[in-house]
């Protein structure tokens, strides 16, 4: 049990810690927005893969990942210099779904 859920908790903790940083700007101008949105998707893809690994249920993993994304955006609304965004929840949800699908495909190939 610990082997399955400790990575989920650790990754969720990392996401929380990053969300607590007031300004994550890269200083790259127009590229900054793109890089931050790609990072959102990637960090939630990893969370989605870890969740489906732990739960063995794709729908549950997606639901838990999206709920965490919502809670993360609420958290950011209380961090000075940050704000919560429904667009970020949508990006995170796509990331979670991609992570779940990639995990499932990787597992299917390894079992074949």
C-alpha atoms as a PDB file:
ATOM      1  CA  UNK A   1       0.000   0.000   0.000  1.00  0.00           C
ATOM      2  CA  UNK A   2       2.746   2.436   0.976  1.00  0.00           C
ATOM      3  CA  UNK A   3       4.648   1.559  -2.209  1.00  0.00           C
ATOM      4  CA  UNK A   4       1.621   2.678  -4.266  1.00  0.00           C
ATOM      5  CA  UNK A   5       0.531   5.792  -2.374  1.00  0.00           C
ATOM      6  CA  UNK A   6       3.793   7.314  -1.125  1.00  0.00           C
ATOM      7  CA  UNK A   7       4.784   8.481  -4.648  1.00  0.00           C
ATOM      8  CA  UNK A   8       1.315  10.032  -5.095  1.00  0.00           C
ATOM      9  CA  UNK A   9       1.603  11.890  -1.787  1.00  0.00           C
ATOM     10  CA  UNK A  10       5.163  13.007  -2.525  1.00  0.00           C
ATOM     11  CA  UNK A  11       4.245  14.307  -5.995  1.00  0.00           C
ATOM     12  CA  UNK A  12       1.121  16.060  -4.674  1.00  0.00           C
ATOM     13  CA  UNK A  13       3.331  17.639  -2.001  1.00  0.00           C
ATOM     14  CA  UNK A  14       5.740  18.887  -4.660  1.00  0.00           C
ATOM     15  CA  UNK A  15       2.844  20.407  -6.620  1.00  0.00           C
ATOM     16  CA  UNK A  16       1.618  22.082  -3.422  1.00  0.00           C
ATOM     17  CA  UNK A  17       5.097  23.443  -2.681  1.00  0.00           C
ATOM     18  CA  UNK A  18       5.472  24.850  -6.191  1.00  0.00           C
ATOM     19  CA  UNK A  19       2.030  26.431  -5.922  1.00  0.00           C
ATOM     20  CA  UNK A  20       3.144  28.195  -2.754  1.00  0.00           C
ATOM     21  CA  UNK A  21       5.877  30.118  -4.564  1.00  0.00           C
ATOM     22  CA  UNK A  22       4.650  33.669  -5.198  1.00  0.00           C
ATOM     23  CA  UNK A  23       6.208  34.125  -8.641  1.00  0.00           C
ATOM     24  CA  UNK A  24       7.345  31.370 -10.982  1.00  0.00           C
ATOM     25  CA  UNK A  25       8.062  33.649 -13.944  1.00  0.00           C
ATOM     26  CA  UNK A  26      10.959  32.597 -16.142  1.00  0.00           C
ATOM     27  CA  UNK A  27      11.735  36.034 -17.507  1.00  0.00           C
ATOM     28  CA  UNK A  28      11.397  34.726 -21.057  1.00  0.00           C
ATOM     29  CA  UNK A  29       8.665  37.120 -22.115  1.00  0.00           C
ATOM     30  CA  UNK A  30       6.019  35.516 -24.328  1.00  0.00           C
ATOM     31  CA  UNK A  31       7.539  32.077 -23.867  1.00  0.00           C
ATOM     32  CA  UNK A  32       6.894  32.313 -20.123  1.00  0.00           C
ATOM     33  CA  UNK A  33       3.167  31.647 -20.446  1.00  0.00           C
ATOM     34  CA  UNK A  34       3.673  28.691 -22.772  1.00  0.00           C
ATOM     35  CA  UNK A  35       6.325  27.148 -20.524  1.00  0.00           C
ATOM     36  CA  UNK A  36       4.176  27.505 -17.414  1.00  0.00           C
ATOM     37  CA  UNK A  37       1.148  25.907 -19.112  1.00  0.00           C
ATOM     38  CA  UNK A  38       3.281  23.035 -20.419  1.00  0.00           C
ATOM     39  CA  UNK A  39       4.644  22.563 -16.903  1.00  0.00           C
ATOM     40  CA  UNK A  40       1.077  22.415 -15.559  1.00  0.00           C
ATOM     41  CA  UNK A  41       0.175  19.690 -18.036  1.00  0.00           C
ATOM     42  CA  UNK A  42       3.356  17.713 -17.398  1.00  0.00           C
ATOM     43  CA  UNK A  43       3.171  17.792 -13.609  1.00  0.00           C
ATOM     44  CA  UNK A  44      -0.448  16.636 -13.714  1.00  0.00           C
ATOM     45  CA  UNK A  45       0.327  13.934 -16.303  1.00  0.00           C
ATOM     46  CA  UNK A  46       2.779  12.488 -13.792  1.00  0.00           C
ATOM     47  CA  UNK A  47       0.149  12.766 -11.050  1.00  0.00           C
ATOM     48  CA  UNK A  48      -2.377  10.981 -13.292  1.00  0.00           C
ATOM     49  CA  UNK A  49       0.049   8.134 -13.983  1.00  0.00           C
ATOM     50  CA  UNK A  50       0.831   7.771 -10.289  1.00  0.00           C
ATOM     51  CA  UNK A  51      -2.871   7.812  -9.392  1.00  0.00           C
ATOM     52  CA  UNK A  52      -3.845   5.123 -11.906  1.00  0.00           C
ATOM     53  CA  UNK A  53      -0.869   3.059 -10.738  1.00  0.00           C
ATOM     54  CA  UNK A  54      -2.171   3.325  -7.160  1.00  0.00           C
ATOM     55  CA  UNK A  55      -5.897   2.887  -7.814  1.00  0.00           C
ATOM     56  CA  UNK A  56      -5.872   0.581 -10.862  1.00  0.00           C
ATOM     57  CA  UNK A  57      -8.979   2.488 -12.005  1.00  0.00           C
ATOM     58  CA  UNK A  58      -8.698   5.081 -14.757  1.00  0.00           C
ATOM     59  CA  UNK A  59     -11.892   6.990 -13.991  1.00  0.00           C
ATOM     60  CA  UNK A  60     -11.105   7.184 -10.302  1.00  0.00           C
ATOM     61  CA  UNK A  61      -7.565   8.353 -11.065  1.00  0.00           C
ATOM     62  CA  UNK A  62      -8.852  11.091 -13.370  1.00  0.00           C
ATOM     63  CA  UNK A  63     -11.471  12.179 -10.829  1.00  0.00           C
ATOM     64  CA  UNK A  64      -8.920  12.340  -8.007  1.00  0.00           C
ATOM     65  CA  UNK A  65      -6.446  14.208 -10.204  1.00  0.00           C
ATOM     66  CA  UNK A  66      -9.008  16.793 -11.267  1.00  0.00           C
ATOM     67  CA  UNK A  67     -10.160  17.262  -7.676  1.00  0.00           C
ATOM     68  CA  UNK A  68      -6.554  17.879  -6.684  1.00  0.00           C
ATOM     69  CA  UNK A  69      -6.203  20.369  -9.542  1.00  0.00           C
ATOM     70  CA  UNK A  70      -9.244  22.275  -8.274  1.00  0.00           C
ATOM     71  CA  UNK A  71      -7.862  22.294  -4.730  1.00  0.00           C
ATOM     72  CA  UNK A  72      -4.493  23.487  -6.061  1.00  0.00           C
ATOM     73  CA  UNK A  73      -6.090  26.441  -7.839  1.00  0.00           C
ATOM     74  CA  UNK A  74      -8.044  27.341  -4.688  1.00  0.00           C
ATOM     75  CA  UNK A  75      -4.768  27.162  -2.766  1.00  0.00           C
ATOM     76  CA  UNK A  76      -3.086  29.471  -5.305  1.00  0.00           C
ATOM     77  CA  UNK A  77      -5.887  32.018  -4.848  1.00  0.00           C
ATOM     78  CA  UNK A  78      -4.533  32.561  -1.323  1.00  0.00           C
ATOM     79  CA  UNK A  79      -0.858  32.861  -2.321  1.00  0.00           C
ATOM     80  CA  UNK A  80       0.335  36.446  -2.791  1.00  0.00           C
ATOM     81  CA  UNK A  81       1.274  36.987  -6.426  1.00  0.00           C
ATOM     82  CA  UNK A  82      -0.673  33.949  -7.667  1.00  0.00           C
ATOM     83  CA  UNK A  83      -4.286  33.418  -8.657  1.00  0.00           C
ATOM     84  CA  UNK A  84      -6.581  30.467  -9.213  1.00  0.00           C
ATOM     85  CA  UNK A  85      -7.609  29.832 -12.796  1.00  0.00           C
ATOM     86  CA  UNK A  86     -10.315  27.609 -14.307  1.00  0.00           C
ATOM     87  CA  UNK A  87      -8.158  27.460 -17.449  1.00  0.00           C
ATOM     88  CA  UNK A  88      -5.358  25.921 -15.394  1.00  0.00           C
ATOM     89  CA  UNK A  89      -7.792  23.330 -14.005  1.00  0.00           C
ATOM     90  CA  UNK A  90      -8.693  22.402 -17.585  1.00  0.00           C
ATOM     91  CA  UNK A  91      -5.014  22.140 -18.553  1.00  0.00           C
ATOM     92  CA  UNK A  92      -4.354  20.043 -15.457  1.00  0.00           C
ATOM     93  CA  UNK A  93      -7.321  17.791 -16.275  1.00  0.00           C
ATOM     94  CA  UNK A  94      -5.960  17.167 -19.768  1.00  0.00           C
ATOM     95  CA  UNK A  95      -2.585  16.420 -18.211  1.00  0.00           C
ATOM     96  CA  UNK A  96      -4.117  13.930 -15.768  1.00  0.00           C
ATOM     97  CA  UNK A  97      -6.012  12.176 -18.563  1.00  0.00           C
ATOM     98  CA  UNK A  98      -2.864  11.985 -20.722  1.00  0.00           C
ATOM     99  CA  UNK A  99      -0.879  10.550 -17.826  1.00  0.00           C
ATOM    100  CA  UNK A 100      -3.541   7.920 -17.165  1.00  0.00           C
ATOM    101  CA  UNK A 101      -3.672   6.938 -20.843  1.00  0.00           C
ATOM    102  CA  UNK A 102       0.111   6.783 -21.157  1.00  0.00           C
ATOM    103  CA  UNK A 103       0.367   4.624 -18.037  1.00  0.00           C
ATOM    104  CA  UNK A 104      -2.306   2.267 -19.321  1.00  0.00           C
ATOM    105  CA  UNK A 105      -0.652   1.955 -22.741  1.00  0.00           C
ATOM    106  CA  UNK A 106       2.742   1.351 -21.188  1.00  0.00           C
ATOM    107  CA  UNK A 107       1.303  -1.332 -18.901  1.00  0.00           C
ATOM    108  CA  UNK A 108      -0.598  -2.972 -21.780  1.00  0.00           C
ATOM    109  CA  UNK A 109       2.592  -3.172 -23.851  1.00  0.00           C
ATOM    110  CA  UNK A 110       4.615  -4.599 -20.973  1.00  0.00           C
ATOM    111  CA  UNK A 111       1.986  -7.296 -20.371  1.00  0.00           C
ATOM    112  CA  UNK A 112       1.751  -8.255 -24.046  1.00  0.00           C
END
